[in-house]
Amino acid sequence: MSILDILILGAILSVAVTLALGLRALGRPGAEARSQSNRLMRLRVALQALAIALLVIGMWWKSTQGG
């Protein structure tokens, strides 16, 4: 398992954890909970972009290196 594979798995796991925390915050009442949920969902979108970028880099790398 290469370092890129580990980074991809870490990014995907981070997205899943952030999604779960955001959904949990969404279910709580109050303005602070809504604010926290919104912040977590924006973080999730950024982490998803990172995960997609890593996947694209990984596919490109494996196609050029023959791995």
Protein backbone atom coordinates (compact mmCIF):
# COMPACT_ATOMS: atom_id res chain seq x y z
CA MET A 1 0.00 0.00 0.00
CA SER A 2 1.52 3.29 -1.10
CA ILE A 3 1.46 6.61 0.72
CA LEU A 4 -1.05 7.88 -1.84
CA ASP A 5 -3.42 5.01 -1.02
CA ILE A 6 -3.16 5.84 2.67
CA LEU A 7 -3.85 9.53 1.98
CA ILE A 8 -6.92 8.64 -0.10
CA LEU A 9 -8.29 6.36 2.62
CA GLY A 10 -7.63 9.04 5.24
CA ALA A 11 -9.44 11.66 3.17
CA ILE A 12 -12.45 9.40 2.65
CA LEU A 13 -12.58 8.55 6.35
CA SER A 14 -12.36 12.27 7.22
CA VAL A 15 -15.31 13.00 4.93
CA ALA A 16 -17.39 10.26 6.58
CA VAL A 17 -16.59 11.43 10.12
CA THR A 18 -17.29 15.07 9.27
CA LEU A 19 -20.60 14.09 7.64
CA ALA A 20 -21.64 12.13 10.75
CA LEU A 21 -20.72 15.00 13.07
CA GLY A 22 -22.56 17.50 10.87
CA LEU A 23 -25.70 15.38 10.79
CA ARG A 24 -25.57 14.96 14.55
CA ALA A 25 -25.29 18.74 15.00
CA LEU A 26 -28.14 19.24 12.54
CA GLY A 27 -30.43 17.18 14.74
CA ARG A 28 -29.89 19.35 17.80
CA PRO A 29 -32.02 22.44 18.47
CA GLY A 30 -30.67 25.97 18.76
CA ALA A 31 -28.80 28.58 16.77
CA GLU A 32 -25.37 27.39 17.92
CA ALA A 33 -26.09 23.86 16.70
CA ARG A 34 -27.20 25.20 13.29
CA SER A 35 -24.03 27.26 13.05
CA GLN A 36 -21.86 24.27 13.97
CA SER A 37 -23.69 22.06 11.48
CA ASN A 38 -23.20 24.63 8.72
CA ARG A 39 -19.48 24.92 9.52
CA LEU A 40 -19.07 21.13 9.51
CA MET A 41 -20.88 20.76 6.20
CA ARG A 42 -18.62 23.39 4.60
CA LEU A 43 -15.61 21.48 5.94
CA ARG A 44 -17.05 18.28 4.48
CA VAL A 45 -17.28 19.85 1.04
CA ALA A 46 -13.64 20.94 1.25
CA LEU A 47 -12.58 17.47 2.38
CA GLN A 48 -14.54 15.92 -0.49
CA ALA A 49 -12.71 18.17 -2.94
CA LEU A 50 -9.41 17.02 -1.43
CA ALA A 51 -10.46 13.36 -1.66
CA ILE A 52 -11.47 13.75 -5.30
CA ALA A 53 -8.19 15.51 -6.11
CA LEU A 54 -6.23 12.70 -4.46
CA LEU A 55 -8.23 10.09 -6.37
CA VAL A 56 -7.53 11.85 -9.68
CA ILE A 57 -3.83 12.14 -8.85
CA GLY A 58 -3.77 8.47 -7.85
CA MET A 59 -5.43 7.34 -11.06
CA TRP A 60 -3.09 9.51 -13.13
CA TRP A 61 -0.05 8.21 -11.25
CA LYS A 62 -1.01 4.56 -11.65
CA SER A 63 -1.78 5.01 -15.34
CA THR A 64 1.60 6.66 -16.06
CA GLN A 65 3.65 4.36 -13.82
CA GLY A 66 2.02 1.15 -14.97
CA GLY A 67 0.97 0.20 -11.43
